[in-house]
C-alpha cells in the first residue's frame, strides 16, 4: 500500500524539480520478475529506475546505516528496501532478493559496483540472477549528477538494454564471474553509446 502511495508522490516531485523523465527502450523489459542492474551514478537513480519501469514494484539494497533513523527506516522498509552491511554482508544479502524474485512479489534494483565512486564489480548480482533464475536487464542513467543540475532541469534519461540470463549450469568460478561481469559492463557501454555517443560519466 505504501509503495503505491509513494510512487506517484515521487513522480510528482521529479516533475516539479526537473520536468518529465525520459524513458528509452522500455519495450526491452521482459515479462515477470527481473534484475535491473546499473552503474551507480547518483543517489536518486533507484527512484528514477523504479518510476521508469512502473508499474513493476521493486526491492533494493540499502546500506544498514540508513536504517538507524526510525523515520527513514519506516520509509525504506515500506518501499521494499532491505539492509545490507557493506563491510560484512551476511547470507541475507543474497537470500532476501533471491526469495523475493522467486516468489514473484518484486523485481530487484541493484548496483553491482556498490558505490558511486567505484567501477569495481562486487560479487552478488550474478549469483542472485543464477540462483533466482531471473534475467538481468542492464539499465543506465544519463543526466545531472548534482542537485543543482537537477534543479536546472537538465534532461533525465533512463535507457534499458537487452536482458540476458545466467546459465544455471554454469559454475560461479572467479573466471566465469569475471566473464559475466564484463558482459554486463559491455552492455552498459552499449546502452550509453546508443543513448548518447558523446556521453562520458565523470563522478562528482
N, C-alpha and C. Protein backbone atom coordinates (compact mmCIF):
# COMPACT_ATOMS: atom_id res chain seq x y z
N UNK A 1 0.83 -1.20 0.00
CA UNK A 1 0.00 0.00 0.00
C UNK A 1 0.87 1.26 0.00
N UNK A 2 1.88 1.29 0.87
CA UNK A 2 2.75 2.46 0.96
C UNK A 2 3.49 2.70 -0.36
N UNK A 3 3.95 1.61 -0.99
CA UNK A 3 4.66 1.72 -2.26
C UNK A 3 3.78 2.39 -3.31
N UNK A 4 2.52 1.98 -3.35
CA UNK A 4 1.59 2.56 -4.32
C UNK A 4 1.31 4.02 -4.03
N UNK A 5 1.41 4.40 -2.76
CA UNK A 5 1.20 5.80 -2.38
C UNK A 5 2.43 6.65 -2.72
N UNK A 6 3.61 6.12 -2.41
CA UNK A 6 4.82 6.93 -2.53
C UNK A 6 5.27 7.10 -3.98
N UNK A 7 4.92 6.15 -4.86
CA UNK A 7 5.37 6.24 -6.25
C UNK A 7 4.82 7.47 -6.97
N UNK A 8 3.52 7.75 -6.94
CA UNK A 8 3.03 8.97 -7.59
C UNK A 8 3.55 10.24 -6.92
N UNK A 9 3.80 10.16 -5.61
CA UNK A 9 4.39 11.31 -4.91
C UNK A 9 5.78 11.57 -5.46
N UNK A 10 6.57 10.50 -5.60
CA UNK A 10 7.93 10.64 -6.14
C UNK A 10 7.90 11.15 -7.58
N UNK A 11 6.95 10.65 -8.36
CA UNK A 11 6.84 11.10 -9.75
C UNK A 11 6.52 12.60 -9.83
N UNK A 12 5.64 13.05 -8.93
CA UNK A 12 5.29 14.47 -8.90
C UNK A 12 6.50 15.33 -8.50
N UNK A 13 7.27 14.86 -7.51
CA UNK A 13 8.44 15.61 -7.06
C UNK A 13 9.48 15.72 -8.17
N UNK A 14 9.70 14.61 -8.89
CA UNK A 14 10.64 14.64 -10.02
C UNK A 14 10.17 15.62 -11.08
N UNK A 15 8.87 15.60 -11.38
CA UNK A 15 8.32 16.54 -12.36
C UNK A 15 8.45 17.98 -11.87
N UNK A 16 8.19 18.20 -10.60
CA UNK A 16 8.25 19.55 -10.05
C UNK A 16 9.67 20.11 -10.09
N UNK A 17 10.65 19.27 -9.76
CA UNK A 17 12.03 19.73 -9.70
C UNK A 17 12.69 19.84 -11.07
N UNK A 18 12.29 18.92 -11.96
CA UNK A 18 13.06 18.81 -13.20
C UNK A 18 12.22 18.80 -14.47
N UNK A 19 11.05 18.28 -14.39
CA UNK A 19 10.25 18.10 -15.61
C UNK A 19 10.00 16.63 -15.85
N UNK A 20 9.78 16.26 -17.07
CA UNK A 20 9.44 14.88 -17.38
C UNK A 20 10.68 13.99 -17.46
N UNK A 21 10.54 12.78 -16.94
CA UNK A 21 11.58 11.77 -17.04
C UNK A 21 11.48 11.10 -18.41
N UNK A 22 12.60 11.03 -19.12
CA UNK A 22 12.62 10.41 -20.44
C UNK A 22 13.03 8.94 -20.31
N UNK A 23 12.16 8.04 -20.74
CA UNK A 23 12.39 6.60 -20.64
C UNK A 23 12.61 6.04 -22.04
N UNK A 24 13.71 5.34 -22.23
CA UNK A 24 14.09 4.84 -23.54
C UNK A 24 14.16 3.31 -23.55
N UNK A 25 13.54 2.72 -24.57
CA UNK A 25 13.54 1.27 -24.81
C UNK A 25 12.91 0.47 -23.68
N UNK A 26 11.81 0.94 -23.17
CA UNK A 26 11.09 0.20 -22.14
C UNK A 26 10.55 -1.11 -22.70
N UNK A 27 10.41 -1.18 -24.02
CA UNK A 27 9.90 -2.41 -24.63
C UNK A 27 10.85 -3.59 -24.43
N UNK A 28 12.08 -3.32 -24.05
CA UNK A 28 13.05 -4.40 -23.83
C UNK A 28 12.85 -5.12 -22.49
N UNK A 29 12.06 -4.54 -21.61
CA UNK A 29 11.84 -5.15 -20.31
C UNK A 29 11.04 -6.44 -20.49
N UNK A 30 11.52 -7.55 -19.93
CA UNK A 30 10.82 -8.83 -20.10
C UNK A 30 9.60 -8.95 -19.19
N UNK A 31 8.80 -9.96 -19.47
CA UNK A 31 7.66 -10.27 -18.61
C UNK A 31 8.16 -10.88 -17.30
N UNK A 32 7.36 -10.78 -16.26
CA UNK A 32 7.73 -11.40 -15.00
C UNK A 32 8.75 -10.58 -14.23
N UNK A 33 9.40 -11.22 -13.29
CA UNK A 33 10.40 -10.54 -12.48
C UNK A 33 11.77 -10.54 -13.14
N UNK A 34 12.57 -9.57 -12.79
CA UNK A 34 13.90 -9.43 -13.39
C UNK A 34 14.77 -8.60 -12.45
N UNK A 35 16.04 -8.49 -12.82
CA UNK A 35 17.01 -7.73 -12.05
C UNK A 35 17.47 -6.54 -12.87
N UNK A 36 17.18 -5.34 -12.41
CA UNK A 36 17.69 -4.14 -13.05
C UNK A 36 19.08 -3.87 -12.49
N UNK A 37 20.10 -3.98 -13.32
CA UNK A 37 21.48 -3.79 -12.87
C UNK A 37 22.05 -2.54 -13.54
N UNK A 38 22.59 -1.64 -12.73
CA UNK A 38 23.03 -0.35 -13.25
C UNK A 38 24.38 0.06 -12.66
N UNK A 39 25.16 0.85 -13.41
CA UNK A 39 26.31 1.51 -12.80
C UNK A 39 25.80 2.63 -11.90
N UNK A 40 26.39 2.79 -10.73
CA UNK A 40 25.88 3.75 -9.74
C UNK A 40 26.45 5.14 -10.01
N UNK A 41 25.55 6.10 -10.35
CA UNK A 41 26.00 7.44 -10.74
C UNK A 41 25.42 8.55 -9.86
N UNK A 42 24.23 8.35 -9.30
CA UNK A 42 23.63 9.35 -8.41
C UNK A 42 22.85 8.64 -7.32
N UNK A 43 22.52 9.39 -6.26
CA UNK A 43 21.74 8.77 -5.19
C UNK A 43 20.27 8.66 -5.54
N UNK A 44 19.82 9.40 -6.57
CA UNK A 44 18.38 9.35 -6.90
C UNK A 44 18.07 8.34 -8.01
N UNK A 45 19.06 7.63 -8.49
CA UNK A 45 18.81 6.64 -9.54
C UNK A 45 17.76 5.59 -9.18
N UNK A 46 17.79 5.01 -7.97
CA UNK A 46 16.76 3.99 -7.67
C UNK A 46 15.34 4.52 -7.86
N UNK A 47 15.13 5.78 -7.52
CA UNK A 47 13.80 6.38 -7.68
C UNK A 47 13.44 6.47 -9.16
N UNK A 48 14.40 6.95 -9.96
CA UNK A 48 14.14 7.11 -11.39
C UNK A 48 13.92 5.77 -12.08
N UNK A 49 14.72 4.77 -11.72
CA UNK A 49 14.56 3.45 -12.32
C UNK A 49 13.21 2.84 -11.96
N UNK A 50 12.81 2.99 -10.70
CA UNK A 50 11.52 2.45 -10.27
C UNK A 50 10.36 3.15 -11.00
N UNK A 51 10.50 4.45 -11.23
CA UNK A 51 9.47 5.19 -11.96
C UNK A 51 9.47 4.78 -13.44
N UNK A 52 10.67 4.63 -14.00
CA UNK A 52 10.78 4.30 -15.43
C UNK A 52 10.19 2.94 -15.75
N UNK A 53 10.34 1.99 -14.83
CA UNK A 53 9.87 0.63 -15.07
C UNK A 53 8.48 0.36 -14.49
N UNK A 54 7.83 1.40 -14.01
CA UNK A 54 6.47 1.28 -13.48
C UNK A 54 5.55 0.62 -14.52
N UNK A 55 4.62 -0.24 -14.14
CA UNK A 55 4.06 -0.44 -12.79
C UNK A 55 4.74 -1.54 -11.97
N UNK A 56 5.82 -2.12 -12.47
CA UNK A 56 6.52 -3.14 -11.70
C UNK A 56 6.99 -2.56 -10.35
N UNK A 57 6.87 -3.37 -9.30
CA UNK A 57 7.37 -2.96 -7.98
C UNK A 57 8.74 -3.58 -7.75
N UNK A 58 9.60 -2.83 -7.05
CA UNK A 58 10.98 -3.27 -6.85
C UNK A 58 11.37 -3.31 -5.38
N UNK A 59 12.30 -4.19 -5.10
CA UNK A 59 13.03 -4.16 -3.83
C UNK A 59 14.45 -3.71 -4.16
N UNK A 60 15.14 -3.22 -3.16
CA UNK A 60 16.52 -2.81 -3.40
C UNK A 60 17.30 -2.84 -2.10
N UNK A 61 18.62 -2.98 -2.25
CA UNK A 61 19.51 -3.00 -1.11
C UNK A 61 19.81 -1.58 -0.66
N UNK A 62 19.93 -1.39 0.65
CA UNK A 62 20.32 -0.09 1.20
C UNK A 62 21.31 -0.35 2.34
N UNK A 63 22.30 0.52 2.45
CA UNK A 63 23.30 0.30 3.49
C UNK A 63 22.65 0.35 4.86
N UNK A 64 23.14 -0.49 5.74
CA UNK A 64 22.50 -0.71 7.04
C UNK A 64 22.45 0.56 7.88
N UNK A 65 23.39 1.48 7.65
CA UNK A 65 23.42 2.72 8.43
C UNK A 65 22.15 3.55 8.26
N UNK A 66 21.52 3.45 7.09
CA UNK A 66 20.32 4.24 6.83
C UNK A 66 19.14 3.80 7.70
N UNK A 67 19.19 2.57 8.18
CA UNK A 67 18.08 2.03 8.96
C UNK A 67 18.15 2.43 10.43
N UNK A 68 19.19 3.17 10.81
CA UNK A 68 19.31 3.60 12.20
C UNK A 68 18.34 4.74 12.52
N UNK A 69 17.97 5.51 11.50
CA UNK A 69 16.99 6.58 11.69
C UNK A 69 15.59 5.97 11.62
N UNK A 70 14.77 6.11 12.67
CA UNK A 70 13.46 5.45 12.71
C UNK A 70 12.52 5.88 11.59
N UNK A 71 12.55 7.16 11.25
CA UNK A 71 11.67 7.65 10.18
C UNK A 71 12.11 7.09 8.83
N UNK A 72 13.42 7.17 8.58
CA UNK A 72 13.95 6.65 7.32
C UNK A 72 13.80 5.14 7.25
N UNK A 73 13.94 4.47 8.39
CA UNK A 73 13.77 3.01 8.42
C UNK A 73 12.35 2.63 8.04
N UNK A 74 11.36 3.38 8.53
CA UNK A 74 9.96 3.11 8.18
C UNK A 74 9.75 3.26 6.68
N UNK A 75 10.28 4.35 6.12
CA UNK A 75 10.11 4.60 4.68
C UNK A 75 10.79 3.51 3.86
N UNK A 76 12.02 3.17 4.21
CA UNK A 76 12.77 2.18 3.44
C UNK A 76 12.11 0.81 3.48
N UNK A 77 11.70 0.39 4.67
CA UNK A 77 11.08 -0.93 4.79
C UNK A 77 9.78 -1.01 3.99
N UNK A 78 9.00 0.05 4.02
CA UNK A 78 7.73 0.03 3.30
C UNK A 78 7.91 0.29 1.80
N UNK A 79 9.14 0.68 1.41
CA UNK A 79 9.45 0.82 -0.01
C UNK A 79 10.19 -0.41 -0.53
N UNK A 80 10.14 -1.50 0.25
CA UNK A 80 10.73 -2.80 -0.11
C UNK A 80 12.26 -2.80 -0.07
N UNK A 81 12.86 -1.91 0.71
CA UNK A 81 14.32 -1.93 0.86
C UNK A 81 14.69 -2.89 1.99
N UNK A 82 15.88 -3.47 1.89
CA UNK A 82 16.37 -4.33 2.96
C UNK A 82 17.82 -3.95 3.26
N UNK A 83 18.22 -4.03 4.54
CA UNK A 83 19.55 -3.55 4.93
C UNK A 83 20.66 -4.53 4.57
N UNK A 84 21.81 -3.97 4.18
CA UNK A 84 23.00 -4.76 3.89
C UNK A 84 24.20 -4.09 4.53
N UNK A 85 24.97 -4.86 5.27
CA UNK A 85 26.21 -4.36 5.85
C UNK A 85 27.30 -4.52 4.79
N UNK A 86 27.74 -3.41 4.23
CA UNK A 86 28.71 -3.46 3.13
C UNK A 86 30.04 -4.08 3.55
N UNK A 87 30.44 -3.85 4.80
CA UNK A 87 31.72 -4.39 5.26
C UNK A 87 31.64 -5.88 5.58
N UNK A 88 30.47 -6.29 6.08
CA UNK A 88 30.30 -7.70 6.45
C UNK A 88 28.95 -8.21 5.96
N UNK A 89 28.77 -8.34 4.65
CA UNK A 89 27.49 -8.81 4.12
C UNK A 89 27.22 -10.25 4.54
N UNK A 90 26.08 -10.49 5.11
CA UNK A 90 25.72 -11.83 5.54
C UNK A 90 24.92 -12.57 4.49
N UNK A 91 24.46 -13.79 4.81
CA UNK A 91 23.69 -14.59 3.85
C UNK A 91 22.42 -13.89 3.37
N UNK A 92 21.84 -13.01 4.20
CA UNK A 92 20.59 -12.34 3.82
C UNK A 92 20.77 -11.44 2.61
N UNK A 93 22.01 -10.99 2.37
CA UNK A 93 22.28 -10.13 1.21
C UNK A 93 21.95 -10.85 -0.09
N UNK A 94 22.01 -12.18 -0.07
CA UNK A 94 21.63 -12.98 -1.23
C UNK A 94 20.26 -13.60 -1.06
N UNK A 95 19.97 -14.12 0.13
CA UNK A 95 18.72 -14.85 0.34
C UNK A 95 17.49 -13.96 0.17
N UNK A 96 17.56 -12.73 0.70
CA UNK A 96 16.39 -11.85 0.63
C UNK A 96 15.98 -11.55 -0.81
N UNK A 97 16.90 -11.07 -1.67
CA UNK A 97 16.48 -10.81 -3.06
C UNK A 97 16.13 -12.06 -3.84
N UNK A 98 16.84 -13.16 -3.58
CA UNK A 98 16.53 -14.41 -4.29
C UNK A 98 15.12 -14.88 -3.96
N UNK A 99 14.77 -14.87 -2.68
CA UNK A 99 13.42 -15.30 -2.28
C UNK A 99 12.35 -14.38 -2.85
N UNK A 100 12.63 -13.06 -2.83
CA UNK A 100 11.67 -12.11 -3.38
C UNK A 100 11.43 -12.31 -4.87
N UNK A 101 12.50 -12.58 -5.59
CA UNK A 101 12.39 -12.81 -7.03
C UNK A 101 11.68 -14.13 -7.34
N UNK A 102 12.01 -15.16 -6.57
CA UNK A 102 11.40 -16.47 -6.79
C UNK A 102 9.90 -16.47 -6.50
N UNK A 103 9.51 -15.78 -5.43
CA UNK A 103 8.11 -15.76 -5.03
C UNK A 103 7.24 -14.93 -5.97
N UNK A 104 7.87 -14.14 -6.81
CA UNK A 104 7.12 -13.35 -7.77
C UNK A 104 6.57 -12.06 -7.26
N UNK A 105 7.00 -11.66 -6.06
CA UNK A 105 6.46 -10.43 -5.49
C UNK A 105 7.06 -9.18 -6.13
N UNK A 106 8.38 -9.12 -6.17
CA UNK A 106 9.04 -7.91 -6.64
C UNK A 106 10.23 -8.24 -7.53
N UNK A 107 10.57 -7.28 -8.38
CA UNK A 107 11.84 -7.33 -9.10
C UNK A 107 12.89 -6.62 -8.24
N UNK A 108 14.12 -6.60 -8.73
CA UNK A 108 15.24 -6.09 -7.92
C UNK A 108 16.00 -5.01 -8.67
N UNK A 109 16.32 -3.91 -7.98
CA UNK A 109 17.24 -2.90 -8.49
C UNK A 109 18.55 -3.07 -7.73
N UNK A 110 19.65 -3.18 -8.48
CA UNK A 110 20.94 -3.42 -7.84
C UNK A 110 22.05 -2.67 -8.57
N UNK A 111 23.04 -2.25 -7.79
CA UNK A 111 24.21 -1.56 -8.34
C UNK A 111 25.43 -2.43 -8.06
N UNK A 112 25.88 -3.21 -9.04
CA UNK A 112 26.97 -4.16 -8.81
C UNK A 112 28.27 -3.56 -8.30
N UNK A 113 28.52 -2.27 -8.57
CA UNK A 113 29.75 -1.64 -8.08
C UNK A 113 29.63 -1.23 -6.62
N UNK A 114 28.41 -1.18 -6.11
CA UNK A 114 28.20 -0.87 -4.70
C UNK A 114 28.13 0.62 -4.39
N UNK A 115 29.06 1.41 -4.91
CA UNK A 115 29.09 2.84 -4.61
C UNK A 115 29.22 3.65 -5.88
N UNK A 116 29.02 4.95 -5.75
CA UNK A 116 29.08 5.86 -6.90
C UNK A 116 30.52 6.17 -7.32
N UNK A 117 31.47 5.85 -6.47
CA UNK A 117 32.86 6.23 -6.74
C UNK A 117 33.74 5.02 -7.02
N UNK A 118 33.12 3.96 -7.52
CA UNK A 118 33.87 2.75 -7.83
C UNK A 118 33.31 2.12 -9.10
N UNK A 119 34.19 1.59 -9.92
CA UNK A 119 33.77 0.85 -11.11
C UNK A 119 34.03 -0.64 -10.93
N UNK A 120 34.60 -1.00 -9.77
CA UNK A 120 34.88 -2.41 -9.49
C UNK A 120 33.60 -3.15 -9.16
N UNK A 121 33.40 -4.26 -9.84
CA UNK A 121 32.18 -5.04 -9.65
C UNK A 121 32.30 -5.90 -8.39
N UNK A 122 31.31 -5.79 -7.52
CA UNK A 122 31.26 -6.61 -6.32
C UNK A 122 30.47 -7.89 -6.61
N UNK A 123 30.74 -8.92 -5.85
CA UNK A 123 30.02 -10.18 -6.05
C UNK A 123 28.57 -10.05 -5.63
N UNK A 124 27.71 -10.85 -6.19
CA UNK A 124 26.31 -10.89 -5.77
C UNK A 124 25.32 -10.87 -6.90
N UNK A 125 25.47 -9.95 -7.82
CA UNK A 125 24.48 -9.81 -8.90
C UNK A 125 24.36 -11.06 -9.74
N UNK A 126 25.49 -11.61 -10.15
CA UNK A 126 25.49 -12.81 -10.99
C UNK A 126 24.93 -13.99 -10.21
N UNK A 127 25.33 -14.12 -8.95
CA UNK A 127 24.84 -15.24 -8.13
C UNK A 127 23.34 -15.15 -7.93
N UNK A 128 22.83 -13.95 -7.67
CA UNK A 128 21.38 -13.76 -7.50
C UNK A 128 20.63 -14.14 -8.77
N UNK A 129 21.14 -13.70 -9.91
CA UNK A 129 20.49 -14.00 -11.19
C UNK A 129 20.45 -15.50 -11.46
N UNK A 130 21.56 -16.16 -11.15
CA UNK A 130 21.63 -17.61 -11.38
C UNK A 130 20.69 -18.37 -10.46
N UNK A 131 20.79 -18.10 -9.15
CA UNK A 131 20.01 -18.85 -8.17
C UNK A 131 18.52 -18.55 -8.24
N UNK A 132 18.16 -17.33 -8.60
CA UNK A 132 16.74 -16.98 -8.75
C UNK A 132 16.21 -17.35 -10.12
N UNK A 133 17.13 -17.61 -11.06
CA UNK A 133 16.76 -17.94 -12.44
C UNK A 133 15.93 -16.83 -13.08
N UNK A 134 16.43 -15.59 -12.92
CA UNK A 134 15.76 -14.42 -13.47
C UNK A 134 16.73 -13.64 -14.36
N UNK A 135 16.21 -12.97 -15.40
CA UNK A 135 17.10 -12.23 -16.31
C UNK A 135 17.65 -10.95 -15.69
N UNK A 136 18.84 -10.59 -16.15
CA UNK A 136 19.45 -9.31 -15.81
C UNK A 136 19.12 -8.32 -16.92
N UNK A 137 18.59 -7.16 -16.55
CA UNK A 137 18.31 -6.11 -17.52
C UNK A 137 19.28 -4.96 -17.26
N UNK A 138 20.23 -4.73 -18.17
CA UNK A 138 21.14 -3.59 -18.00
C UNK A 138 20.35 -2.29 -18.14
N UNK A 139 20.64 -1.32 -17.29
CA UNK A 139 19.97 -0.02 -17.37
C UNK A 139 20.98 1.05 -16.99
N UNK A 140 20.91 2.20 -17.65
CA UNK A 140 21.82 3.30 -17.34
C UNK A 140 21.04 4.59 -17.17
N UNK A 141 21.64 5.46 -16.38
CA UNK A 141 21.11 6.82 -16.19
C UNK A 141 22.09 7.81 -16.80
N UNK A 142 21.56 8.72 -17.59
CA UNK A 142 22.34 9.84 -18.10
C UNK A 142 21.60 11.12 -17.73
N UNK A 143 22.29 12.02 -17.05
CA UNK A 143 21.64 13.24 -16.62
C UNK A 143 22.48 13.95 -15.59
N UNK A 144 21.91 14.96 -14.94
CA UNK A 144 22.66 15.72 -13.93
C UNK A 144 23.12 14.83 -12.79
N UNK A 145 24.32 15.12 -12.29
CA UNK A 145 24.89 14.34 -11.19
C UNK A 145 24.87 15.11 -9.88
N UNK A 146 24.45 16.37 -9.95
CA UNK A 146 24.35 17.19 -8.75
C UNK A 146 22.92 17.70 -8.62
N UNK A 147 22.55 18.06 -7.40
CA UNK A 147 21.20 18.58 -7.17
C UNK A 147 20.99 19.90 -7.89
N UNK A 148 22.06 20.68 -8.04
CA UNK A 148 21.97 21.94 -8.79
C UNK A 148 21.60 21.67 -10.24
N UNK A 149 22.26 20.67 -10.82
CA UNK A 149 21.94 20.30 -12.20
C UNK A 149 20.51 19.81 -12.34
N UNK A 150 20.03 19.11 -11.32
CA UNK A 150 18.65 18.63 -11.32
C UNK A 150 17.68 19.80 -11.34
N UNK A 151 17.97 20.82 -10.52
CA UNK A 151 17.09 21.99 -10.44
C UNK A 151 17.16 22.85 -11.71
N UNK A 152 18.28 22.76 -12.43
CA UNK A 152 18.40 23.49 -13.69
C UNK A 152 17.65 22.80 -14.82
N UNK A 153 16.99 21.70 -14.46
CA UNK A 153 16.14 20.96 -15.39
C UNK A 153 16.93 20.38 -16.56
N UNK A 154 18.17 19.96 -16.27
CA UNK A 154 18.92 19.21 -17.26
C UNK A 154 18.20 17.88 -17.51
N UNK A 155 18.20 17.37 -18.74
CA UNK A 155 17.42 16.18 -19.07
C UNK A 155 17.76 14.96 -18.21
N UNK A 156 16.73 14.23 -17.82
CA UNK A 156 16.89 12.97 -17.10
C UNK A 156 16.59 11.84 -18.08
N UNK A 157 17.59 11.02 -18.36
CA UNK A 157 17.43 9.93 -19.32
C UNK A 157 17.68 8.59 -18.63
N UNK A 158 16.72 7.68 -18.79
CA UNK A 158 16.90 6.30 -18.35
C UNK A 158 16.75 5.42 -19.58
N UNK A 159 17.74 4.56 -19.80
CA UNK A 159 17.72 3.72 -21.01
C UNK A 159 17.94 2.25 -20.63
N UNK A 160 17.05 1.39 -21.10
CA UNK A 160 17.12 -0.04 -20.82
C UNK A 160 17.85 -0.77 -21.94
N UNK A 161 18.64 -1.78 -21.55
CA UNK A 161 19.33 -2.61 -22.52
C UNK A 161 18.62 -3.95 -22.71
N UNK A 162 19.24 -4.81 -23.50
CA UNK A 162 18.67 -6.13 -23.76
C UNK A 162 18.92 -7.05 -22.57
N UNK A 163 17.90 -7.75 -22.11
CA UNK A 163 18.07 -8.67 -20.97
C UNK A 163 18.88 -9.90 -21.36
N UNK A 164 19.54 -10.49 -20.38
CA UNK A 164 20.24 -11.75 -20.61
C UNK A 164 20.15 -12.62 -19.36
N UNK A 165 20.22 -13.93 -19.58
CA UNK A 165 20.13 -14.89 -18.48
C UNK A 165 21.53 -15.39 -18.10
N UNK A 166 21.66 -15.81 -16.87
CA UNK A 166 22.86 -16.51 -16.41
C UNK A 166 22.53 -17.99 -16.40
N UNK A 167 23.26 -18.77 -17.19
CA UNK A 167 23.00 -20.20 -17.29
C UNK A 167 23.08 -20.85 -15.91
N UNK A 168 22.04 -21.55 -15.53
CA UNK A 168 22.00 -22.20 -14.21
C UNK A 168 23.04 -23.31 -14.09
N UNK A 169 23.52 -23.81 -15.22
CA UNK A 169 24.50 -24.90 -15.20
C UNK A 169 25.93 -24.38 -15.02
N UNK A 170 26.13 -23.09 -15.21
CA UNK A 170 27.48 -22.55 -15.14
C UNK A 170 27.96 -22.48 -13.69
N UNK A 171 29.20 -22.84 -13.48
CA UNK A 171 29.79 -22.76 -12.14
C UNK A 171 30.30 -21.35 -11.90
N UNK A 172 30.02 -20.82 -10.73
CA UNK A 172 30.42 -19.44 -10.45
C UNK A 172 31.86 -19.39 -9.94
N UNK A 173 32.76 -19.76 -10.83
CA UNK A 173 34.17 -19.62 -10.54
C UNK A 173 34.56 -18.15 -10.72
N UNK A 174 35.74 -17.79 -10.24
CA UNK A 174 36.20 -16.41 -10.41
C UNK A 174 36.25 -16.03 -11.88
N UNK A 175 36.71 -16.96 -12.71
CA UNK A 175 36.83 -16.68 -14.14
C UNK A 175 35.46 -16.46 -14.78
N UNK A 176 34.50 -17.31 -14.42
CA UNK A 176 33.15 -17.17 -15.01
C UNK A 176 32.45 -15.91 -14.52
N UNK A 177 32.62 -15.58 -13.24
CA UNK A 177 32.01 -14.35 -12.73
C UNK A 177 32.62 -13.13 -13.40
N UNK A 178 33.93 -13.16 -13.61
CA UNK A 178 34.59 -12.05 -14.29
C UNK A 178 34.08 -11.91 -15.71
N UNK A 179 33.90 -13.04 -16.38
CA UNK A 179 33.38 -13.03 -17.76
C UNK A 179 31.98 -12.43 -17.81
N UNK A 180 31.12 -12.81 -16.87
CA UNK A 180 29.76 -12.29 -16.86
C UNK A 180 29.70 -10.84 -16.41
N UNK A 181 30.58 -10.46 -15.48
CA UNK A 181 30.67 -9.06 -15.09
C UNK A 181 31.07 -8.20 -16.28
N UNK A 182 32.03 -8.69 -17.07
CA UNK A 182 32.46 -7.95 -18.26
C UNK A 182 31.35 -7.86 -19.29
N UNK A 183 30.54 -8.91 -19.37
CA UNK A 183 29.39 -8.88 -20.29
C UNK A 183 28.42 -7.78 -19.89
N UNK A 184 28.21 -7.63 -18.59
CA UNK A 184 27.32 -6.59 -18.09
C UNK A 184 27.91 -5.20 -18.34
N UNK A 185 29.20 -5.05 -18.11
CA UNK A 185 29.86 -3.76 -18.37
C UNK A 185 29.75 -3.37 -19.83
N UNK A 186 29.95 -4.33 -20.73
CA UNK A 186 29.84 -4.05 -22.16
C UNK A 186 28.40 -3.67 -22.54
N UNK A 187 27.44 -4.30 -21.85
CA UNK A 187 26.03 -3.96 -22.11
C UNK A 187 25.76 -2.52 -21.70
N UNK A 188 26.31 -2.09 -20.55
CA UNK A 188 26.15 -0.69 -20.13
C UNK A 188 26.77 0.25 -21.15
N UNK A 189 27.99 -0.09 -21.60
CA UNK A 189 28.67 0.76 -22.58
C UNK A 189 27.85 0.88 -23.86
N UNK A 190 27.25 -0.23 -24.27
CA UNK A 190 26.44 -0.24 -25.50
C UNK A 190 25.22 0.65 -25.35
N UNK A 191 24.55 0.55 -24.20
CA UNK A 191 23.35 1.36 -23.97
C UNK A 191 23.72 2.84 -23.85
N UNK A 192 24.81 3.14 -23.14
CA UNK A 192 25.28 4.52 -23.03
C UNK A 192 25.54 5.11 -24.42
N UNK A 193 26.25 4.36 -25.25
CA UNK A 193 26.59 4.84 -26.60
C UNK A 193 25.34 4.98 -27.46
N UNK A 194 24.44 4.03 -27.31
CA UNK A 194 23.19 4.06 -28.07
C UNK A 194 22.36 5.29 -27.72
N UNK A 195 22.32 5.63 -26.43
CA UNK A 195 21.56 6.78 -25.99
C UNK A 195 22.23 8.09 -26.37
N UNK A 196 23.56 8.16 -26.17
CA UNK A 196 24.31 9.38 -26.47
C UNK A 196 25.77 9.01 -26.72
N UNK A 197 26.22 8.97 -27.98
CA UNK A 197 27.59 8.58 -28.29
C UNK A 197 28.65 9.48 -27.63
N UNK A 198 28.25 10.67 -27.25
CA UNK A 198 29.22 11.61 -26.65
C UNK A 198 29.19 11.58 -25.11
N UNK A 199 28.38 10.70 -24.55
CA UNK A 199 28.27 10.65 -23.10
C UNK A 199 29.51 10.06 -22.47
N UNK A 200 29.98 10.69 -21.38
CA UNK A 200 31.09 10.15 -20.59
C UNK A 200 30.84 10.47 -19.14
N UNK A 201 30.76 9.45 -18.34
CA UNK A 201 30.46 9.63 -16.92
C UNK A 201 31.71 10.10 -16.17
N UNK A 202 31.56 11.19 -15.44
CA UNK A 202 32.63 11.72 -14.59
C UNK A 202 32.06 11.91 -13.18
N UNK A 203 32.48 11.07 -12.22
CA UNK A 203 31.95 11.18 -10.85
C UNK A 203 32.17 12.56 -10.26
N UNK A 204 31.17 13.06 -9.53
CA UNK A 204 31.25 14.36 -8.88
C UNK A 204 31.75 14.19 -7.44
